[in-house]
N, C-alpha and C. Protein backbone atom coordinates (compact mmCIF):
# COMPACT_ATOMS: atom_id res chain seq x y z
N MET A 1 -138.82 -31.34 -49.86
CA MET A 1 -138.64 -32.62 -49.66
C MET A 1 -136.97 -32.79 -49.30
N ARG A 2 -136.70 -33.37 -48.06
CA ARG A 2 -135.27 -33.54 -47.73
C ARG A 2 -134.53 -34.70 -48.47
N THR A 3 -133.17 -34.20 -48.66
CA THR A 3 -132.41 -35.41 -49.49
C THR A 3 -131.78 -36.16 -48.42
N PRO A 4 -131.89 -37.55 -48.21
CA PRO A 4 -131.44 -38.23 -47.24
C PRO A 4 -129.59 -38.11 -47.42
N LYS A 5 -129.20 -38.21 -46.14
CA LYS A 5 -127.57 -38.09 -46.09
C LYS A 5 -127.13 -39.36 -46.66
N VAL A 6 -126.09 -39.27 -47.46
CA VAL A 6 -125.38 -40.59 -47.92
C VAL A 6 -124.19 -40.83 -46.92
N LYS A 7 -123.89 -41.82 -46.57
CA LYS A 7 -122.71 -42.23 -45.70
C LYS A 7 -121.76 -42.63 -46.62
N PRO A 8 -120.40 -42.17 -46.17
CA PRO A 8 -119.31 -42.56 -47.22
C PRO A 8 -118.95 -44.11 -47.01
N PRO A 9 -118.52 -44.66 -48.22
CA PRO A 9 -118.29 -46.01 -48.02
C PRO A 9 -117.34 -46.51 -46.92
N LEU A 10 -117.56 -47.76 -46.46
CA LEU A 10 -116.81 -48.26 -45.39
C LEU A 10 -115.29 -48.47 -45.68
N GLU A 11 -114.41 -48.29 -44.87
CA GLU A 11 -112.91 -48.46 -45.12
C GLU A 11 -112.71 -49.53 -45.85
N LYS A 12 -113.15 -50.78 -45.52
CA LYS A 12 -112.76 -51.95 -46.06
C LYS A 12 -113.11 -51.93 -47.53
N ILE A 13 -114.23 -51.29 -47.94
CA ILE A 13 -114.78 -51.04 -49.31
C ILE A 13 -113.76 -50.32 -50.17
N VAL A 14 -113.48 -49.15 -49.59
CA VAL A 14 -112.31 -48.32 -50.22
C VAL A 14 -110.97 -49.15 -50.26
N GLN A 15 -110.43 -49.73 -49.27
CA GLN A 15 -109.46 -50.69 -49.29
C GLN A 15 -109.37 -51.72 -50.50
N TYR A 16 -110.59 -52.29 -50.59
CA TYR A 16 -110.70 -53.42 -51.62
C TYR A 16 -110.56 -52.68 -53.00
N ALA A 17 -111.22 -51.60 -53.25
CA ALA A 17 -111.22 -50.82 -54.65
C ALA A 17 -109.78 -50.40 -54.95
N ILE A 18 -109.12 -49.91 -53.96
CA ILE A 18 -107.71 -49.56 -54.25
C ILE A 18 -106.95 -50.65 -54.53
N CYS A 19 -107.04 -51.76 -53.80
CA CYS A 19 -106.35 -53.10 -54.17
C CYS A 19 -106.63 -53.63 -55.54
N GLU A 20 -107.92 -53.67 -55.88
CA GLU A 20 -108.38 -53.96 -57.23
C GLU A 20 -107.55 -52.97 -58.36
N TYR A 21 -107.57 -51.72 -58.16
CA TYR A 21 -106.94 -50.92 -58.87
C TYR A 21 -105.35 -51.29 -59.06
N LEU A 22 -104.93 -51.41 -58.01
CA LEU A 22 -103.34 -51.73 -58.05
C LEU A 22 -103.02 -53.03 -58.78
N LYS A 23 -103.83 -53.95 -58.55
CA LYS A 23 -103.76 -55.55 -59.20
C LYS A 23 -103.86 -55.20 -60.67
N PHE A 24 -104.89 -54.52 -61.04
CA PHE A 24 -105.12 -54.22 -62.38
C PHE A 24 -104.09 -53.72 -63.03
N HIS A 25 -103.41 -52.71 -62.48
CA HIS A 25 -102.17 -52.07 -63.04
C HIS A 25 -100.77 -52.62 -62.76
N ASN A 26 -100.84 -53.84 -62.14
CA ASN A 26 -99.88 -54.55 -61.97
C ASN A 26 -98.59 -54.20 -61.04
N TYR A 27 -99.27 -53.44 -60.10
CA TYR A 27 -98.25 -52.89 -59.13
C TYR A 27 -98.07 -53.99 -58.16
N PHE A 28 -96.60 -53.87 -57.45
CA PHE A 28 -96.26 -54.86 -56.40
C PHE A 28 -96.60 -54.25 -55.20
N PHE A 29 -97.74 -55.05 -54.42
CA PHE A 29 -98.18 -54.37 -53.25
C PHE A 29 -98.68 -55.58 -52.48
N TRP A 30 -98.99 -55.36 -51.23
CA TRP A 30 -99.71 -56.16 -50.29
C TRP A 30 -100.68 -55.55 -49.09
N ARG A 31 -101.60 -56.25 -48.74
CA ARG A 31 -102.44 -55.66 -47.71
C ARG A 31 -101.77 -55.95 -46.48
N SER A 32 -101.76 -55.18 -45.59
CA SER A 32 -101.05 -55.30 -44.12
C SER A 32 -102.21 -55.28 -43.08
N ASN A 33 -102.39 -56.42 -42.31
CA ASN A 33 -103.19 -56.49 -41.24
C ASN A 33 -102.58 -56.58 -39.94
N ASN A 34 -102.65 -55.49 -39.33
CA ASN A 34 -101.74 -55.01 -38.08
C ASN A 34 -102.61 -55.33 -36.75
N ILE A 35 -103.73 -56.02 -37.06
CA ILE A 35 -104.64 -56.36 -35.80
C ILE A 35 -104.29 -57.71 -35.19
N PRO A 36 -103.95 -57.83 -33.97
CA PRO A 36 -103.69 -59.03 -33.43
C PRO A 36 -104.73 -59.95 -33.46
N VAL A 37 -104.43 -61.06 -33.57
CA VAL A 37 -105.58 -62.22 -33.71
C VAL A 37 -106.18 -62.66 -32.38
N PHE A 38 -107.48 -62.98 -32.29
CA PHE A 38 -108.18 -63.20 -30.92
C PHE A 38 -107.60 -64.49 -30.55
N GLY A 39 -107.64 -64.61 -29.28
CA GLY A 39 -107.39 -65.77 -28.38
C GLY A 39 -108.42 -66.04 -27.53
N MET A 40 -108.52 -67.00 -26.60
CA MET A 40 -109.46 -67.32 -25.65
C MET A 40 -108.57 -67.38 -24.20
N ASN A 41 -109.27 -66.51 -23.27
CA ASN A 41 -108.68 -66.74 -22.05
C ASN A 41 -109.38 -67.95 -21.26
N ASN A 42 -108.95 -68.25 -20.13
CA ASN A 42 -109.38 -69.53 -19.45
C ASN A 42 -110.78 -69.53 -19.20
N GLY A 43 -111.41 -68.41 -19.17
CA GLY A 43 -112.86 -68.33 -18.83
C GLY A 43 -113.82 -68.61 -20.40
N GLY A 44 -112.96 -68.55 -21.45
CA GLY A 44 -113.63 -68.81 -22.57
C GLY A 44 -113.94 -67.56 -23.22
N LYS A 45 -113.67 -66.21 -22.64
CA LYS A 45 -113.79 -65.19 -23.35
C LYS A 45 -112.84 -64.74 -24.37
N ARG A 46 -113.22 -64.25 -25.52
CA ARG A 46 -112.39 -63.81 -26.73
C ARG A 46 -111.51 -62.54 -26.16
N THR A 47 -110.25 -62.70 -26.38
CA THR A 47 -109.34 -61.41 -26.14
C THR A 47 -108.45 -61.31 -27.24
N PHE A 48 -107.87 -60.28 -27.37
CA PHE A 48 -106.83 -59.86 -28.46
C PHE A 48 -105.48 -60.44 -28.00
N ARG A 49 -104.76 -61.16 -28.64
CA ARG A 49 -103.37 -61.55 -28.20
C ARG A 49 -102.42 -60.27 -28.43
N THR A 50 -101.23 -60.30 -27.85
CA THR A 50 -100.60 -59.26 -28.05
C THR A 50 -99.67 -59.21 -29.35
N LEU A 51 -99.23 -58.15 -29.76
CA LEU A 51 -98.52 -58.12 -31.06
C LEU A 51 -97.17 -58.60 -30.85
N PRO A 52 -96.76 -59.33 -31.81
CA PRO A 52 -95.29 -59.90 -31.72
C PRO A 52 -94.21 -58.94 -31.45
N LYS A 53 -93.31 -59.25 -30.85
CA LYS A 53 -92.28 -58.20 -30.52
C LYS A 53 -91.61 -57.43 -31.65
N TYR A 54 -91.45 -56.31 -31.85
CA TYR A 54 -90.96 -55.49 -32.95
C TYR A 54 -91.88 -55.37 -34.02
N THR A 55 -93.19 -55.46 -33.75
CA THR A 55 -94.47 -55.18 -34.59
C THR A 55 -94.94 -53.87 -34.14
N PRO A 56 -94.50 -52.87 -34.98
CA PRO A 56 -95.01 -51.67 -34.67
C PRO A 56 -96.50 -51.32 -34.78
N ARG A 57 -97.05 -50.37 -34.23
CA ARG A 57 -98.41 -50.02 -34.34
C ARG A 57 -98.51 -48.93 -35.42
N GLY A 58 -99.35 -48.82 -36.13
CA GLY A 58 -99.70 -47.71 -37.25
C GLY A 58 -99.21 -47.87 -38.57
N ILE A 59 -99.01 -49.36 -38.52
CA ILE A 59 -98.49 -49.74 -40.01
C ILE A 59 -99.66 -49.39 -41.15
N PRO A 60 -99.14 -48.91 -42.43
CA PRO A 60 -100.26 -48.55 -43.38
C PRO A 60 -100.94 -49.91 -43.79
N ASP A 61 -102.20 -49.67 -44.19
CA ASP A 61 -103.12 -50.74 -44.65
C ASP A 61 -102.53 -51.42 -45.96
N ILE A 62 -102.00 -50.67 -46.84
CA ILE A 62 -101.39 -51.29 -48.05
C ILE A 62 -99.97 -50.80 -48.10
N ILE A 63 -99.00 -51.85 -48.51
CA ILE A 63 -97.74 -51.61 -48.51
C ILE A 63 -97.36 -51.67 -50.13
N MET A 64 -96.61 -50.99 -50.48
CA MET A 64 -96.13 -51.18 -52.15
C MET A 64 -94.60 -50.85 -52.26
N VAL A 65 -94.00 -51.38 -53.18
CA VAL A 65 -92.62 -51.14 -53.62
C VAL A 65 -92.71 -50.79 -54.92
N ARG A 66 -92.23 -49.56 -55.48
CA ARG A 66 -92.10 -49.14 -56.78
C ARG A 66 -90.70 -48.71 -57.17
N LYS A 67 -90.38 -49.33 -58.10
CA LYS A 67 -88.81 -48.85 -58.50
C LYS A 67 -88.04 -48.72 -57.45
N GLY A 68 -88.00 -49.62 -56.42
CA GLY A 68 -87.01 -49.46 -55.13
C GLY A 68 -87.40 -48.59 -54.04
N LYS A 69 -88.65 -48.04 -54.22
CA LYS A 69 -89.22 -47.05 -53.27
C LYS A 69 -90.31 -47.65 -52.44
N PHE A 70 -90.23 -47.49 -51.03
CA PHE A 70 -91.42 -48.01 -50.25
C PHE A 70 -92.43 -46.97 -50.38
N ILE A 71 -93.73 -47.34 -50.48
CA ILE A 71 -94.87 -46.50 -50.47
C ILE A 71 -95.90 -47.21 -49.46
N GLY A 72 -96.23 -46.35 -48.51
CA GLY A 72 -97.23 -46.88 -47.62
C GLY A 72 -98.58 -46.20 -47.81
N ILE A 73 -99.71 -46.93 -48.02
CA ILE A 73 -100.98 -46.20 -48.29
C ILE A 73 -101.96 -46.67 -47.12
N GLU A 74 -102.34 -45.46 -46.17
CA GLU A 74 -103.21 -45.63 -45.24
C GLU A 74 -104.61 -45.25 -45.68
N VAL A 75 -105.67 -46.06 -45.66
CA VAL A 75 -106.81 -46.00 -46.20
C VAL A 75 -107.82 -45.57 -45.06
N LYS A 76 -108.62 -44.42 -45.25
CA LYS A 76 -109.56 -43.98 -44.09
C LYS A 76 -110.91 -43.74 -44.90
N ARG A 77 -111.88 -43.92 -44.07
CA ARG A 77 -113.14 -43.46 -44.48
C ARG A 77 -113.23 -41.94 -44.42
N LEU A 78 -113.93 -41.23 -45.52
CA LEU A 78 -114.08 -40.02 -45.44
C LEU A 78 -114.54 -39.39 -44.03
N GLY A 79 -113.74 -38.54 -43.75
CA GLY A 79 -114.08 -37.74 -42.38
C GLY A 79 -113.28 -38.46 -41.13
N ALA A 80 -112.68 -39.48 -41.38
CA ALA A 80 -111.90 -40.10 -40.34
C ALA A 80 -110.44 -39.63 -40.23
N LYS A 81 -109.93 -39.75 -39.16
CA LYS A 81 -108.52 -39.20 -38.97
C LYS A 81 -107.48 -40.18 -38.62
N MET A 82 -106.42 -39.92 -38.85
CA MET A 82 -105.25 -41.01 -38.55
C MET A 82 -105.13 -40.95 -37.00
N ARG A 83 -104.75 -42.11 -36.47
CA ARG A 83 -104.27 -42.30 -35.06
C ARG A 83 -103.06 -41.85 -34.75
N GLU A 84 -102.55 -41.50 -33.56
CA GLU A 84 -101.28 -40.97 -33.21
C GLU A 84 -100.29 -41.88 -33.62
N GLU A 85 -100.50 -43.15 -33.56
CA GLU A 85 -99.30 -44.18 -33.98
C GLU A 85 -99.14 -44.12 -35.49
N GLN A 86 -100.27 -43.94 -36.20
CA GLN A 86 -100.36 -43.87 -37.55
C GLN A 86 -99.44 -42.56 -38.20
N THR A 87 -99.74 -41.56 -37.49
CA THR A 87 -99.04 -40.34 -37.68
C THR A 87 -97.42 -40.50 -37.33
N VAL A 88 -97.21 -41.17 -36.47
CA VAL A 88 -95.63 -41.43 -36.15
C VAL A 88 -95.15 -42.21 -37.12
N PHE A 89 -95.85 -43.46 -37.59
CA PHE A 89 -95.21 -44.19 -38.47
C PHE A 89 -95.30 -43.60 -40.07
N ARG A 90 -95.96 -42.58 -40.18
CA ARG A 90 -95.85 -41.85 -41.52
C ARG A 90 -94.71 -41.02 -41.35
N GLN A 91 -94.45 -40.39 -40.38
CA GLN A 91 -93.15 -39.47 -40.19
C GLN A 91 -91.98 -40.33 -40.33
N ASN A 92 -92.06 -41.48 -39.70
CA ASN A 92 -90.76 -42.41 -39.92
C ASN A 92 -90.59 -42.74 -41.38
N ILE A 93 -91.68 -43.15 -42.08
CA ILE A 93 -91.39 -43.44 -43.52
C ILE A 93 -90.94 -42.20 -44.20
N LEU A 94 -91.43 -41.15 -43.94
CA LEU A 94 -90.97 -39.84 -44.85
C LEU A 94 -89.42 -39.48 -44.42
N GLU A 95 -89.21 -39.42 -43.10
CA GLU A 95 -87.82 -39.24 -42.54
C GLU A 95 -86.74 -40.36 -43.25
N ASN A 96 -87.34 -41.50 -43.81
CA ASN A 96 -86.34 -42.56 -44.14
C ASN A 96 -86.39 -42.77 -45.67
N GLY A 97 -87.00 -41.55 -46.51
CA GLY A 97 -86.92 -41.60 -48.00
C GLY A 97 -88.16 -42.23 -48.46
N GLY A 98 -88.91 -42.92 -47.93
CA GLY A 98 -90.24 -43.40 -48.32
C GLY A 98 -91.44 -42.45 -48.70
N ASN A 99 -92.32 -42.99 -49.37
CA ASN A 99 -93.49 -42.24 -49.62
C ASN A 99 -94.71 -42.79 -48.77
N TYR A 100 -95.74 -41.75 -48.62
CA TYR A 100 -96.95 -42.14 -47.87
C TYR A 100 -98.10 -41.50 -48.48
N ILE A 101 -99.12 -42.32 -48.62
CA ILE A 101 -100.33 -41.88 -49.32
C ILE A 101 -101.50 -41.91 -48.23
N LEU A 102 -102.13 -40.86 -47.92
CA LEU A 102 -103.40 -40.86 -47.32
C LEU A 102 -104.57 -41.00 -48.10
N ALA A 103 -105.28 -41.96 -48.35
CA ALA A 103 -106.12 -42.15 -49.32
C ALA A 103 -107.62 -42.27 -48.59
N TYR A 104 -108.56 -41.54 -49.23
CA TYR A 104 -109.91 -41.56 -48.90
C TYR A 104 -110.83 -42.40 -49.90
N ASP A 105 -110.13 -42.49 -51.16
CA ASP A 105 -110.69 -43.20 -52.34
C ASP A 105 -109.72 -43.49 -53.37
N VAL A 106 -109.84 -44.14 -54.39
CA VAL A 106 -109.04 -44.56 -55.39
C VAL A 106 -108.55 -43.36 -56.14
N ALA A 107 -109.04 -42.33 -56.35
CA ALA A 107 -108.73 -41.23 -57.15
C ALA A 107 -107.30 -40.55 -56.36
N ASP A 108 -107.50 -40.60 -55.09
CA ASP A 108 -106.31 -40.03 -54.05
C ASP A 108 -105.15 -41.04 -54.37
N VAL A 109 -105.22 -42.27 -54.59
CA VAL A 109 -104.07 -43.03 -54.86
C VAL A 109 -103.44 -42.68 -56.37
N VAL A 110 -104.47 -42.66 -57.36
CA VAL A 110 -104.08 -42.47 -58.56
C VAL A 110 -103.30 -41.18 -58.80
N ARG A 111 -103.85 -40.13 -58.07
CA ARG A 111 -103.09 -38.84 -58.08
C ARG A 111 -101.76 -38.90 -57.54
N GLU A 112 -101.61 -39.44 -56.27
CA GLU A 112 -100.60 -39.38 -55.60
C GLU A 112 -99.51 -40.40 -56.32
N LEU A 113 -99.95 -41.48 -56.68
CA LEU A 113 -98.94 -42.37 -57.44
C LEU A 113 -98.25 -41.82 -58.71
N ASN A 114 -99.30 -40.92 -59.39
CA ASN A 114 -98.59 -40.08 -60.42
C ASN A 114 -97.55 -39.20 -59.98
N ASP A 115 -97.72 -38.66 -58.94
CA ASP A 115 -96.91 -37.50 -58.41
C ASP A 115 -95.36 -38.30 -58.01
N ILE A 116 -95.51 -39.45 -57.50
CA ILE A 116 -94.56 -40.23 -57.07
C ILE A 116 -93.76 -40.72 -58.34
N GLU A 117 -94.45 -41.27 -59.30
CA GLU A 117 -93.74 -41.51 -60.53
C GLU A 117 -93.08 -40.58 -61.18
N ASN A 118 -93.75 -39.29 -61.14
CA ASN A 118 -92.94 -38.05 -61.58
C ASN A 118 -91.51 -37.76 -61.05
N GLN A 119 -91.30 -38.26 -59.74
CA GLN A 119 -90.18 -38.05 -58.78
C GLN A 119 -89.40 -39.08 -59.23
N LEU A 120 -89.75 -40.26 -59.60
CA LEU A 120 -88.61 -41.36 -59.51
C LEU A 120 -87.91 -41.47 -60.91
């Protein structure tokens, strides 16, 4: 008898779980949604509006500030990879003294935050 494959949870489910963990532990954080809103063109077709000027692509899903340090948390579904603009944004954060967590589940965040806390 074959065991059915279990799909990893959706990214939005993992994001929600991480946010619930952070809220429970009283971290200062917010969800960042960097997807432009929909608009309607003259024909009534839904289209994406352009991002406002100076809004970079690749912003992490969750933003935190802990003891004066910036922490970006990018959430991915297991097996998914970061896009090029996310990799560039990550590099900019690290080069400017911030921290960056690539999380596939809550355990990744717990582990990385413990490491960051030990550095602060």
